[in-house]
Amino acid sequence: MKTTLEITAEPLPRDLAFLGESLTAFNDGDVGASARKALAVFVRDDAGAIVAGISGYTAWGWLYVQWLWVDEKLRGRRIAAGMLDAAEREAVARGCKAAWIDTFNPTAAKVYQRQGYRPFGTLPDFPVGRSRIFLQKHLAPT
């Protein structure tokens, strides 16, 4: 079989979908079905605009928080803590035993540690001048 290597900054959605489906099929056969399910938590203002949110997913008994953002005007009010609590409760309801998150913001890392997350790894200079910190937390059933 002849193959070619293609590099692109604009992959076609169908190619990305094929890649995702193929990897999912492989992983399902290798370690069992992930039962991956999206999980989002939003905070909205009186007009319905999003002023804070979490986006991630649950899979293989873990919650992964991919994005967590709070509008600058609302920071310091424990909104991130409330969103994490809500996401963790939903994850436990889905059967998750643990959660993980990563950040390169030292302030965010402190917020996550106050919520019970503990560092388990770092990537120095990612981005340059910072370290990406990976944190995890055991989730107890409520």
Protein backbone atom coordinates (compact mmCIF):
# COMPACT_ATOMS: atom_id res chain seq x y z
CA MET A 1 0.00 0.00 0.00
CA LYS A 2 1.39 3.39 -1.01
CA THR A 3 0.80 6.19 1.49
CA THR A 4 1.24 9.97 1.48
CA LEU A 5 1.76 12.32 4.40
CA GLU A 6 -0.45 15.41 4.49
CA ILE A 7 -0.02 18.35 6.85
CA THR A 8 -2.84 20.88 7.09
CA ALA A 9 -3.90 23.79 9.26
CA GLU A 10 -7.46 23.42 7.91
CA PRO A 11 -8.55 19.80 8.26
CA LEU A 12 -11.92 18.88 6.82
CA PRO A 13 -14.61 18.23 9.45
CA ARG A 14 -15.31 14.81 7.91
CA ASP A 15 -11.61 13.87 8.20
CA LEU A 16 -11.55 14.87 11.88
CA ALA A 17 -14.77 12.93 12.46
CA PHE A 18 -13.25 9.85 10.80
CA LEU A 19 -10.13 10.17 12.94
CA GLY A 20 -12.18 10.50 16.13
CA GLU A 21 -14.44 7.57 15.26
CA SER A 22 -11.46 5.39 14.37
CA LEU A 23 -9.61 6.16 17.60
CA THR A 24 -12.78 5.64 19.64
CA ALA A 25 -13.31 2.23 18.03
CA PHE A 26 -9.71 1.26 18.75
CA ASN A 27 -9.88 2.43 22.38
CA ASP A 28 -13.23 0.72 22.94
CA GLY A 29 -11.70 -2.54 21.78
CA ASP A 30 -8.52 -2.00 23.79
CA VAL A 31 -9.82 -0.81 27.19
CA GLY A 32 -13.61 -0.90 26.92
CA ALA A 33 -16.20 1.67 25.99
CA SER A 34 -15.52 5.10 27.45
CA ALA A 35 -19.17 6.15 27.78
CA ARG A 36 -17.87 9.62 26.90
CA LYS A 37 -20.49 12.27 27.49
CA ALA A 38 -20.18 16.04 27.29
CA LEU A 39 -20.62 18.04 30.47
CA ALA A 40 -21.04 21.82 30.62
CA VAL A 41 -21.94 24.24 33.39
CA PHE A 42 -22.87 27.84 32.58
CA VAL A 43 -23.48 30.92 34.68
CA ARG A 44 -25.67 33.51 32.95
CA ASP A 45 -26.49 37.09 33.76
CA ASP A 46 -30.01 38.57 33.87
CA ALA A 47 -29.97 39.01 30.08
CA GLY A 48 -29.02 35.37 29.53
CA ALA A 49 -25.43 36.06 28.48
CA ILE A 50 -22.80 33.59 29.62
CA VAL A 51 -20.55 35.16 32.28
CA ALA A 52 -18.79 31.96 33.37
CA GLY A 53 -18.65 28.36 32.29
CA ILE A 54 -17.09 24.94 32.30
CA SER A 55 -16.82 22.60 29.34
CA GLY A 56 -15.51 19.09 29.53
CA TYR A 57 -16.65 15.51 29.52
CA THR A 58 -16.91 12.32 31.52
CA ALA A 59 -15.28 9.12 30.29
CA TRP A 60 -13.93 5.90 31.83
CA GLY A 61 -15.11 7.00 35.27
CA TRP A 62 -13.32 10.37 35.16
CA LEU A 63 -14.42 13.97 34.77
CA TYR A 64 -12.12 16.06 32.58
CA VAL A 65 -12.58 19.83 32.83
CA GLN A 66 -11.22 21.08 29.53
CA TRP A 67 -12.21 24.75 29.81
CA LEU A 68 -13.11 26.87 32.82
CA TRP A 69 -13.65 30.60 32.41
CA VAL A 70 -15.07 33.35 34.61
CA ASP A 71 -15.65 36.89 33.39
CA GLU A 72 -13.06 39.20 34.89
CA LYS A 73 -15.71 41.29 36.70
CA LEU A 74 -16.90 38.19 38.58
CA ARG A 75 -13.57 36.70 39.61
CA GLY A 76 -12.91 36.31 43.32
CA ARG A 77 -16.55 35.46 44.11
CA ARG A 78 -16.10 31.67 44.22
CA ILE A 79 -17.97 31.22 40.93
CA ALA A 80 -15.34 28.75 39.70
CA ALA A 81 -15.76 26.79 42.94
CA GLY A 82 -19.53 26.64 42.48
CA MET A 83 -19.21 25.50 38.89
CA LEU A 84 -16.65 22.84 39.83
CA ASP A 85 -18.93 21.60 42.62
CA ALA A 86 -21.83 21.33 40.16
CA ALA A 87 -19.71 19.54 37.53
CA GLU A 88 -18.35 17.14 40.14
CA ARG A 89 -21.83 16.31 41.46
CA GLU A 90 -22.98 15.53 37.92
CA ALA A 91 -19.85 13.45 37.32
CA VAL A 92 -20.51 11.42 40.49
CA ALA A 93 -24.12 10.91 39.33
CA ARG A 94 -22.63 9.53 36.10
CA GLY A 95 -20.49 7.09 38.07
CA CYS A 96 -17.19 9.00 38.04
CA LYS A 97 -14.67 8.38 40.80
CA ALA A 98 -12.17 11.15 39.99
CA ALA A 99 -11.60 14.38 38.07
CA TRP A 100 -8.69 16.11 36.41
CA ILE A 101 -7.94 19.57 35.07
CA ASP A 102 -4.89 21.41 33.79
CA THR A 103 -3.82 25.05 33.73
CA PHE A 104 -0.80 27.24 33.17
CA ASN A 105 -2.27 30.05 35.30
CA PRO A 106 -0.84 30.04 38.85
CA THR A 107 -3.95 31.77 40.23
CA ALA A 108 -6.23 29.14 38.69
CA ALA A 109 -4.01 26.37 40.09
CA LYS A 110 -4.53 27.80 43.59
CA VAL A 111 -8.31 27.92 43.03
CA TYR A 112 -8.32 24.28 41.98
CA GLN A 113 -6.17 23.27 44.96
CA ARG A 114 -8.61 25.04 47.33
CA GLN A 115 -11.27 22.82 45.76
CA GLY A 116 -9.31 19.70 46.68
CA TYR A 117 -7.38 19.13 43.44
CA ARG A 118 -3.77 17.96 43.86
CA PRO A 119 -0.96 18.38 41.31
CA PHE A 120 0.27 15.19 39.68
CA GLY A 121 2.49 16.55 36.93
CA THR A 122 3.87 19.62 35.20
CA LEU A 123 5.19 20.57 31.80
CA PRO A 124 7.80 23.32 32.23
CA ASP A 125 7.81 26.19 29.73
CA PHE A 126 4.35 25.37 28.37
CA PRO A 127 3.87 28.15 27.44
CA VAL A 128 7.33 29.69 27.69
CA GLY A 129 7.83 31.20 31.12
CA ARG A 130 5.01 29.20 32.70
CA SER A 131 4.42 25.59 33.61
CA ARG A 132 1.30 23.67 32.69
CA ILE A 133 0.08 22.05 35.89
CA PHE A 134 -2.03 18.89 35.87
CA LEU A 135 -4.28 18.35 38.90
CA GLN A 136 -6.58 15.54 39.99
CA LYS A 137 -9.20 14.99 42.65
CA HIS A 138 -10.91 11.93 44.09
CA LEU A 139 -14.69 12.32 43.91
CA ALA A 140 -16.64 10.91 46.82
CA PRO A 141 -20.27 9.91 46.31
CA THR A 142 -22.66 12.38 47.95
